[in-house]
Amino acid sequence: MSNSDHSPAQSDGANSLGVGDESSDSPCIGVCTTLYDEICQGCGRTLNEVSNWVFFSQEEKNDVWKRIRADGTAMRFQRQAKENN
């Protein structure tokens, strides 16, 4: 299967950084910026969450996902909204 076979609507993780799909383990979309606070504007995680993500249990990751989804202000969610419209 070639890369052209993947569309943003697929949830196989192939486009995780490009469109912020829901199947990715990490909320990262490759737009890492914190500007004036300690929250990444790309994914919505704190600096501590970003730097320690690989050490988090699945339960801790789920808690972070729940919080950033509820907040919904990170670029990740803005991109998803655009893709779904």
C-alpha atoms as a PDB file:
ATOM      1  CA  MET A   1       0.000   0.000   0.000  1.00  0.00           C
ATOM      2  CA  SER A   2       1.447   3.376  -0.936  1.00  0.00           C
ATOM      3  CA  ASN A   3       1.180   6.637   0.991  1.00  0.00           C
ATOM      4  CA  SER A   4      -1.315   7.903  -1.567  1.00  0.00           C
ATOM      5  CA  ASP A   5      -3.717   5.212  -0.334  1.00  0.00           C
ATOM      6  CA  HIS A   6      -4.034   6.966   3.039  1.00  0.00           C
ATOM      7  CA  SER A   7      -6.669   9.620   3.495  1.00  0.00           C
ATOM      8  CA  PRO A   8      -7.130  11.891   6.538  1.00  0.00           C
ATOM      9  CA  ALA A   9     -10.338  10.030   7.378  1.00  0.00           C
ATOM     10  CA  GLN A  10      -8.426   6.804   7.997  1.00  0.00           C
ATOM     11  CA  SER A  11      -7.512   5.994  11.569  1.00  0.00           C
ATOM     12  CA  ASP A  12      -4.465   3.769  11.038  1.00  0.00           C
ATOM     13  CA  GLY A  13      -2.099   6.349  12.545  1.00  0.00           C
ATOM     14  CA  ALA A  14      -0.382   7.085   9.231  1.00  0.00           C
ATOM     15  CA  ASN A  15      -1.378  10.739   9.317  1.00  0.00           C
ATOM     16  CA  SER A  16      -1.100  11.374  13.051  1.00  0.00           C
ATOM     17  CA  LEU A  17       1.211  14.359  12.780  1.00  0.00           C
ATOM     18  CA  GLY A  18      -0.397  15.735   9.659  1.00  0.00           C
ATOM     19  CA  VAL A  19      -4.003  15.928  10.755  1.00  0.00           C
ATOM     20  CA  GLY A  20      -4.068  14.916  14.401  1.00  0.00           C
ATOM     21  CA  ASP A  21      -6.021  11.684  13.979  1.00  0.00           C
ATOM     22  CA  GLU A  22      -7.680   9.933  16.896  1.00  0.00           C
ATOM     23  CA  SER A  23      -5.762   6.636  16.698  1.00  0.00           C
ATOM     24  CA  SER A  24      -2.343   7.992  17.569  1.00  0.00           C
ATOM     25  CA  ASP A  25      -0.827   7.093  20.936  1.00  0.00           C
ATOM     26  CA  SER A  26       0.470  10.638  21.334  1.00  0.00           C
ATOM     27  CA  PRO A  27      -1.482  13.877  20.894  1.00  0.00           C
ATOM     28  CA  CYS A  28       1.558  15.423  19.176  1.00  0.00           C
ATOM     29  CA  ILE A  29       0.938  16.956  15.745  1.00  0.00           C
ATOM     30  CA  GLY A  30       4.502  18.173  15.241  1.00  0.00           C
ATOM     31  CA  VAL A  31       3.685  21.804  16.001  1.00  0.00           C
ATOM     32  CA  CYS A  32       5.500  22.285  19.289  1.00  0.00           C
ATOM     33  CA  THR A  33       5.178  25.742  20.769  1.00  0.00           C
ATOM     34  CA  THR A  34       4.531  27.045  24.253  1.00  0.00           C
ATOM     35  CA  LEU A  35       5.023  30.773  23.673  1.00  0.00           C
ATOM     36  CA  TYR A  36       3.859  32.379  26.925  1.00  0.00           C
ATOM     37  CA  ASP A  37       2.827  29.477  29.143  1.00  0.00           C
ATOM     38  CA  GLU A  38       3.669  25.834  29.786  1.00  0.00           C
ATOM     39  CA  ILE A  39       0.971  24.374  27.522  1.00  0.00           C
ATOM     40  CA  CYS A  40       1.862  23.240  24.018  1.00  0.00           C
ATOM     41  CA  GLN A  41      -0.387  25.047  21.572  1.00  0.00           C
ATOM     42  CA  GLY A  42      -0.116  22.145  19.118  1.00  0.00           C
ATOM     43  CA  CYS A  43      -1.320  19.296  21.332  1.00  0.00           C
ATOM     44  CA  GLY A  44      -2.556  20.911  24.553  1.00  0.00           C
ATOM     45  CA  ARG A  45      -0.240  19.020  26.894  1.00  0.00           C
ATOM     46  CA  THR A  46       1.910  20.545  29.610  1.00  0.00           C
ATOM     47  CA  LEU A  47       5.690  20.547  29.214  1.00  0.00           C
ATOM     48  CA  ASN A  48       5.871  17.811  31.858  1.00  0.00           C
ATOM     49  CA  GLU A  49       3.356  15.675  29.963  1.00  0.00           C
ATOM     50  CA  VAL A  50       5.227  16.110  26.686  1.00  0.00           C
ATOM     51  CA  SER A  51       8.636  15.267  28.140  1.00  0.00           C
ATOM     52  CA  ASN A  52       7.416  12.283  30.170  1.00  0.00           C
ATOM     53  CA  TRP A  53       4.803  10.873  27.765  1.00  0.00           C
ATOM     54  CA  VAL A  54       6.796   7.710  26.995  1.00  0.00           C
ATOM     55  CA  PHE A  55       6.939   6.890  30.709  1.00  0.00           C
ATOM     56  CA  PHE A  56       3.207   7.386  31.376  1.00  0.00           C
ATOM     57  CA  SER A  57       0.950   4.414  32.005  1.00  0.00           C
ATOM     58  CA  GLN A  58      -1.979   3.947  29.646  1.00  0.00           C
ATOM     59  CA  GLU A  59      -4.287   5.256  32.371  1.00  0.00           C
ATOM     60  CA  GLU A  60      -2.220   8.450  32.704  1.00  0.00           C
ATOM     61  CA  LYS A  61      -2.242   8.906  28.926  1.00  0.00           C
ATOM     62  CA  ASN A  62      -6.014   8.405  28.844  1.00  0.00           C
ATOM     63  CA  ASP A  63      -6.436  11.066  31.550  1.00  0.00           C
ATOM     64  CA  VAL A  64      -4.390  13.550  29.512  1.00  0.00           C
ATOM     65  CA  TRP A  65      -6.336  12.724  26.337  1.00  0.00           C
ATOM     66  CA  LYS A  66      -9.603  13.247  28.220  1.00  0.00           C
ATOM     67  CA  ARG A  67      -8.486  16.641  29.531  1.00  0.00           C
ATOM     68  CA  ILE A  68      -7.170  17.985  26.225  1.00  0.00           C
ATOM     69  CA  ARG A  69     -10.259  16.766  24.351  1.00  0.00           C
ATOM     70  CA  ALA A  70     -12.517  18.462  26.894  1.00  0.00           C
ATOM     71  CA  ASP A  71     -10.516  21.677  26.565  1.00  0.00           C
ATOM     72  CA  GLY A  72     -10.429  21.412  22.759  1.00  0.00           C
ATOM     73  CA  THR A  73      -8.349  24.547  22.194  1.00  0.00           C
ATOM     74  CA  ALA A  74      -5.116  22.967  20.915  1.00  0.00           C
ATOM     75  CA  MET A  75      -4.297  23.185  17.191  1.00  0.00           C
ATOM     76  CA  ARG A  76      -4.813  19.411  17.035  1.00  0.00           C
ATOM     77  CA  PHE A  77      -8.535  19.900  17.574  1.00  0.00           C
ATOM     78  CA  GLN A  78      -8.786  22.926  15.298  1.00  0.00           C
ATOM     79  CA  ARG A  79      -7.286  20.821  12.477  1.00  0.00           C
ATOM     80  CA  GLN A  80      -9.727  17.991  13.167  1.00  0.00           C
ATOM     81  CA  ALA A  81     -12.656  20.399  13.030  1.00  0.00           C
ATOM     82  CA  LYS A  82     -11.451  21.749   9.668  1.00  0.00           C
ATOM     83  CA  GLU A  83     -10.997  18.241   8.257  1.00  0.00           C
ATOM     84  CA  ASN A  84     -14.519  17.247   9.331  1.00  0.00           C
ATOM     85  CA  ASN A  85     -16.227  20.271   7.741  1.00  0.00           C
END
